[in-house]
Amino acid sequence: MNKKHFYEHLIETSELSLSLGDLELSQEERIELIHIVRKNMHYIVIDIVLSELPENEKKVFLKNMHEEDNEVTWKHLKENIKDVEEKIREASRKALREHIRDIREK
């Protein structure tokens, strides 16, 4: 099952796919690298959100996320974190640049 996380529309991974395409990797290796990067991005987003949310709103966020109600999750985040989408975009761009740099150096 490949559920869509609430933030996926903010994360652009085409450059990652292109970078992987330049390497001599099997299909399985490409899929595994993409899976690792996506997992890492998930942890980065959760860290940003939990770092920015007031203490009393963290459990609400985790409950909303667990229930996979993206609309409710976004509403809650936008009410509690200023510029939350931009913060996620920026952190994800930075992390993807680092992953791509690491991949190209190998």
N, C-alpha and C. Protein backbone atom coordinates (compact mmCIF):
# COMPACT_ATOMS: atom_id res chain seq x y z
N MET A 1 0.85 -1.18 0.00
CA MET A 1 0.00 0.00 0.00
C MET A 1 0.89 1.24 0.00
N ASN A 2 0.59 2.17 -0.86
CA ASN A 2 1.40 3.37 -1.00
C ASN A 2 0.51 4.58 -0.73
N LYS A 3 0.28 4.86 0.54
CA LYS A 3 -0.61 5.96 0.91
C LYS A 3 0.06 7.30 0.61
N LYS A 4 -0.76 8.27 0.35
CA LYS A 4 -0.26 9.60 0.03
C LYS A 4 -0.25 10.42 1.32
N HIS A 5 0.93 10.90 1.67
CA HIS A 5 1.07 11.71 2.88
C HIS A 5 0.55 13.13 2.63
N PHE A 6 0.20 13.79 3.69
CA PHE A 6 -0.41 15.12 3.60
C PHE A 6 0.48 16.16 2.92
N TYR A 7 1.76 15.96 2.89
CA TYR A 7 2.72 16.95 2.39
C TYR A 7 3.27 16.63 1.00
N GLU A 8 2.92 15.50 0.42
CA GLU A 8 3.57 15.04 -0.81
C GLU A 8 3.49 16.03 -1.97
N HIS A 9 2.43 16.81 -2.03
CA HIS A 9 2.30 17.78 -3.12
C HIS A 9 3.35 18.89 -3.03
N LEU A 10 4.03 19.00 -1.91
CA LEU A 10 5.04 20.04 -1.72
C LEU A 10 6.45 19.59 -2.07
N ILE A 11 6.64 18.30 -2.24
CA ILE A 11 7.98 17.76 -2.43
C ILE A 11 8.19 17.35 -3.88
N GLU A 12 9.16 17.97 -4.51
CA GLU A 12 9.48 17.72 -5.92
C GLU A 12 10.66 16.76 -5.99
N THR A 13 10.45 15.59 -6.56
CA THR A 13 11.51 14.58 -6.60
C THR A 13 12.01 14.27 -8.01
N SER A 14 11.64 15.05 -8.99
CA SER A 14 12.05 14.75 -10.37
C SER A 14 13.56 14.82 -10.55
N GLU A 15 14.22 15.76 -9.88
CA GLU A 15 15.68 15.84 -10.00
C GLU A 15 16.35 14.60 -9.41
N LEU A 16 15.78 14.08 -8.35
CA LEU A 16 16.29 12.83 -7.76
C LEU A 16 16.18 11.70 -8.77
N SER A 17 15.03 11.58 -9.40
CA SER A 17 14.81 10.53 -10.39
C SER A 17 15.80 10.67 -11.55
N LEU A 18 16.03 11.89 -11.99
CA LEU A 18 16.99 12.12 -13.07
C LEU A 18 18.40 11.75 -12.64
N SER A 19 18.77 12.10 -11.43
CA SER A 19 20.10 11.77 -10.93
C SER A 19 20.30 10.26 -10.84
N LEU A 20 19.27 9.57 -10.39
CA LEU A 20 19.36 8.12 -10.32
C LEU A 20 19.44 7.50 -11.71
N GLY A 21 18.76 8.13 -12.67
CA GLY A 21 18.79 7.63 -14.04
C GLY A 21 20.16 7.70 -14.66
N ASP A 22 21.00 8.62 -14.17
CA ASP A 22 22.36 8.76 -14.69
C ASP A 22 23.32 7.69 -14.17
N LEU A 23 22.90 6.96 -13.17
CA LEU A 23 23.77 5.95 -12.55
C LEU A 23 23.47 4.57 -13.10
N GLU A 24 24.47 3.73 -13.05
CA GLU A 24 24.29 2.35 -13.48
C GLU A 24 23.77 1.55 -12.30
N LEU A 25 22.46 1.57 -12.15
CA LEU A 25 21.79 0.88 -11.06
C LEU A 25 20.72 -0.04 -11.62
N SER A 26 20.49 -1.12 -10.91
CA SER A 26 19.38 -1.98 -11.31
C SER A 26 18.07 -1.29 -10.91
N GLN A 27 16.98 -1.76 -11.45
CA GLN A 27 15.66 -1.22 -11.11
C GLN A 27 15.41 -1.34 -9.60
N GLU A 28 15.79 -2.48 -9.04
CA GLU A 28 15.61 -2.71 -7.60
C GLU A 28 16.41 -1.70 -6.78
N GLU A 29 17.64 -1.42 -7.21
CA GLU A 29 18.48 -0.45 -6.49
C GLU A 29 17.89 0.96 -6.55
N ARG A 30 17.38 1.34 -7.72
CA ARG A 30 16.73 2.65 -7.86
C ARG A 30 15.52 2.76 -6.93
N ILE A 31 14.70 1.74 -6.95
CA ILE A 31 13.49 1.73 -6.11
C ILE A 31 13.89 1.82 -4.64
N GLU A 32 14.90 1.08 -4.25
CA GLU A 32 15.34 1.11 -2.85
C GLU A 32 15.87 2.49 -2.47
N LEU A 33 16.64 3.13 -3.32
CA LEU A 33 17.15 4.48 -3.03
C LEU A 33 16.00 5.49 -2.92
N ILE A 34 15.04 5.40 -3.82
CA ILE A 34 13.90 6.31 -3.76
C ILE A 34 13.12 6.07 -2.47
N HIS A 35 12.96 4.83 -2.10
CA HIS A 35 12.26 4.50 -0.85
C HIS A 35 12.99 5.09 0.36
N ILE A 36 14.31 4.98 0.38
CA ILE A 36 15.10 5.53 1.49
C ILE A 36 14.95 7.04 1.55
N VAL A 37 15.03 7.70 0.41
CA VAL A 37 14.91 9.16 0.38
C VAL A 37 13.51 9.58 0.82
N ARG A 38 12.49 8.91 0.34
CA ARG A 38 11.11 9.25 0.74
C ARG A 38 10.90 9.06 2.24
N LYS A 39 11.46 8.00 2.79
CA LYS A 39 11.36 7.79 4.24
C LYS A 39 12.06 8.91 5.00
N ASN A 40 13.24 9.27 4.53
CA ASN A 40 13.99 10.35 5.16
C ASN A 40 13.20 11.66 5.09
N MET A 41 12.58 11.93 3.96
CA MET A 41 11.78 13.14 3.80
C MET A 41 10.61 13.14 4.77
N HIS A 42 10.03 11.99 4.98
CA HIS A 42 8.91 11.87 5.92
C HIS A 42 9.36 12.29 7.32
N TYR A 43 10.49 11.77 7.74
CA TYR A 43 10.99 12.10 9.07
C TYR A 43 11.34 13.58 9.18
N ILE A 44 11.85 14.15 8.13
CA ILE A 44 12.18 15.58 8.13
C ILE A 44 10.91 16.42 8.29
N VAL A 45 9.88 16.08 7.54
CA VAL A 45 8.61 16.83 7.63
C VAL A 45 8.01 16.70 9.02
N ILE A 46 7.98 15.51 9.55
CA ILE A 46 7.41 15.31 10.88
C ILE A 46 8.21 16.09 11.92
N ASP A 47 9.51 16.09 11.78
CA ASP A 47 10.37 16.85 12.70
C ASP A 47 10.07 18.34 12.63
N ILE A 48 9.94 18.88 11.43
CA ILE A 48 9.62 20.30 11.27
C ILE A 48 8.30 20.63 11.96
N VAL A 49 7.30 19.82 11.65
CA VAL A 49 5.97 20.09 12.21
C VAL A 49 5.98 20.01 13.73
N LEU A 50 6.56 18.95 14.27
CA LEU A 50 6.57 18.81 15.72
C LEU A 50 7.42 19.87 16.41
N SER A 51 8.45 20.32 15.73
CA SER A 51 9.29 21.39 16.29
C SER A 51 8.57 22.73 16.32
N GLU A 52 7.67 22.93 15.37
CA GLU A 52 6.98 24.22 15.24
C GLU A 52 5.65 24.28 16.00
N LEU A 53 5.02 23.14 16.19
CA LEU A 53 3.71 23.14 16.85
C LEU A 53 3.83 23.43 18.34
N PRO A 54 2.86 24.15 18.88
CA PRO A 54 2.80 24.29 20.33
C PRO A 54 2.60 22.91 20.97
N GLU A 55 3.09 22.75 22.14
CA GLU A 55 3.06 21.44 22.83
C GLU A 55 1.65 20.84 22.86
N ASN A 56 0.65 21.66 23.16
CA ASN A 56 -0.72 21.15 23.28
C ASN A 56 -1.35 20.77 21.94
N GLU A 57 -0.70 21.05 20.82
CA GLU A 57 -1.24 20.72 19.49
C GLU A 57 -0.57 19.51 18.86
N LYS A 58 0.48 19.01 19.46
CA LYS A 58 1.23 17.90 18.86
C LYS A 58 0.42 16.61 18.80
N LYS A 59 -0.29 16.29 19.85
CA LYS A 59 -1.11 15.07 19.85
C LYS A 59 -2.24 15.17 18.83
N VAL A 60 -2.79 16.36 18.68
CA VAL A 60 -3.86 16.57 17.70
C VAL A 60 -3.31 16.28 16.29
N PHE A 61 -2.14 16.82 16.01
CA PHE A 61 -1.50 16.59 14.72
C PHE A 61 -1.27 15.09 14.48
N LEU A 62 -0.68 14.43 15.46
CA LEU A 62 -0.38 13.00 15.30
C LEU A 62 -1.64 12.18 15.09
N LYS A 63 -2.70 12.53 15.79
CA LYS A 63 -3.98 11.85 15.61
C LYS A 63 -4.51 12.07 14.19
N ASN A 64 -4.50 13.32 13.74
CA ASN A 64 -4.97 13.63 12.38
C ASN A 64 -4.15 12.90 11.33
N MET A 65 -2.85 12.90 11.52
CA MET A 65 -1.98 12.24 10.55
C MET A 65 -2.23 10.73 10.54
N HIS A 66 -2.37 10.16 11.71
CA HIS A 66 -2.63 8.72 11.82
C HIS A 66 -3.95 8.35 11.14
N GLU A 67 -4.93 9.20 11.25
CA GLU A 67 -6.23 8.94 10.63
C GLU A 67 -6.22 9.23 9.13
N GLU A 68 -5.10 9.73 8.63
CA GLU A 68 -4.90 9.99 7.20
C GLU A 68 -5.94 10.94 6.62
N ASP A 69 -6.35 11.89 7.42
CA ASP A 69 -7.27 12.92 6.94
C ASP A 69 -6.45 14.16 6.59
N ASN A 70 -6.01 14.20 5.35
CA ASN A 70 -5.10 15.26 4.92
C ASN A 70 -5.73 16.65 5.02
N GLU A 71 -6.99 16.75 4.73
CA GLU A 71 -7.66 18.05 4.80
C GLU A 71 -7.68 18.59 6.23
N VAL A 72 -8.03 17.74 7.16
CA VAL A 72 -8.05 18.15 8.58
C VAL A 72 -6.63 18.43 9.06
N THR A 73 -5.70 17.62 8.63
CA THR A 73 -4.29 17.82 9.03
C THR A 73 -3.80 19.18 8.57
N TRP A 74 -4.06 19.53 7.30
CA TRP A 74 -3.60 20.83 6.79
C TRP A 74 -4.29 21.99 7.50
N LYS A 75 -5.56 21.86 7.73
CA LYS A 75 -6.29 22.92 8.42
C LYS A 75 -5.66 23.17 9.79
N HIS A 76 -5.41 22.11 10.50
CA HIS A 76 -4.80 22.22 11.83
C HIS A 76 -3.40 22.86 11.75
N LEU A 77 -2.60 22.41 10.81
CA LEU A 77 -1.24 22.95 10.69
C LEU A 77 -1.25 24.42 10.31
N LYS A 78 -2.10 24.79 9.37
CA LYS A 78 -2.15 26.19 8.94
C LYS A 78 -2.64 27.12 10.05
N GLU A 79 -3.46 26.59 10.93
CA GLU A 79 -3.94 27.39 12.06
C GLU A 79 -2.87 27.56 13.15
N ASN A 80 -1.87 26.68 13.15
CA ASN A 80 -0.92 26.66 14.26
C ASN A 80 0.53 26.94 13.90
N ILE A 81 0.86 26.90 12.60
CA ILE A 81 2.24 27.15 12.18
C ILE A 81 2.23 28.15 11.04
N LYS A 82 2.88 29.27 11.28
CA LYS A 82 2.98 30.30 10.24
C LYS A 82 3.86 29.78 9.09
N ASP A 83 3.37 29.93 7.87
CA ASP A 83 4.11 29.54 6.66
C ASP A 83 4.53 28.07 6.67
N VAL A 84 3.68 27.20 7.16
CA VAL A 84 4.04 25.79 7.29
C VAL A 84 4.39 25.16 5.94
N GLU A 85 3.67 25.49 4.90
CA GLU A 85 3.96 24.89 3.60
C GLU A 85 5.34 25.30 3.11
N GLU A 86 5.68 26.56 3.26
CA GLU A 86 7.00 27.03 2.82
C GLU A 86 8.11 26.40 3.65
N LYS A 87 7.89 26.22 4.92
CA LYS A 87 8.89 25.57 5.78
C LYS A 87 9.13 24.14 5.34
N ILE A 88 8.07 23.43 4.99
CA ILE A 88 8.21 22.06 4.51
C ILE A 88 8.90 22.04 3.16
N ARG A 89 8.49 22.93 2.25
CA ARG A 89 9.12 22.99 0.93
C ARG A 89 10.62 23.24 1.05
N GLU A 90 10.99 24.23 1.86
CA GLU A 90 12.40 24.59 1.99
C GLU A 90 13.23 23.45 2.58
N ALA A 91 12.73 22.85 3.64
CA ALA A 91 13.46 21.74 4.26
C ALA A 91 13.58 20.56 3.31
N SER A 92 12.52 20.29 2.56
CA SER A 92 12.57 19.15 1.63
C SER A 92 13.52 19.44 0.48
N ARG A 93 13.53 20.68 -0.02
CA ARG A 93 14.48 21.03 -1.10
C ARG A 93 15.91 20.86 -0.62
N LYS A 94 16.18 21.34 0.58
CA LYS A 94 17.53 21.23 1.14
C LYS A 94 17.94 19.76 1.28
N ALA A 95 17.06 18.95 1.84
CA ALA A 95 17.37 17.53 2.03
C ALA A 95 17.56 16.82 0.69
N LEU A 96 16.70 17.14 -0.28
CA LEU A 96 16.84 16.50 -1.60
C LEU A 96 18.16 16.91 -2.27
N ARG A 97 18.54 18.18 -2.15
CA ARG A 97 19.84 18.61 -2.70
C ARG A 97 20.98 17.82 -2.09
N GLU A 98 20.92 17.61 -0.78
CA GLU A 98 21.96 16.84 -0.10
C GLU A 98 21.97 15.39 -0.58
N HIS A 99 20.80 14.79 -0.72
CA HIS A 99 20.73 13.41 -1.22
C HIS A 99 21.29 13.33 -2.64
N ILE A 100 20.91 14.27 -3.47
CA ILE A 100 21.38 14.25 -4.86
C ILE A 100 22.89 14.44 -4.92
N ARG A 101 23.41 15.34 -4.10
CA ARG A 101 24.86 15.54 -4.05
C ARG A 101 25.55 14.24 -3.63
N ASP A 102 25.01 13.60 -2.60
CA ASP A 102 25.59 12.34 -2.13
C ASP A 102 25.55 11.27 -3.22
N ILE A 103 24.44 11.19 -3.92
CA ILE A 103 24.30 10.18 -4.99
C ILE A 103 25.29 10.44 -6.10
N ARG A 104 25.44 11.70 -6.49
CA ARG A 104 26.37 12.04 -7.59
C ARG A 104 27.82 11.82 -7.21
N GLU A 105 28.14 11.90 -5.93
CA GLU A 105 29.51 11.69 -5.48
C GLU A 105 29.90 10.22 -5.45
N LYS A 106 28.93 9.34 -5.48
CA LYS A 106 29.21 7.89 -5.40
C LYS A 106 29.66 7.34 -6.72
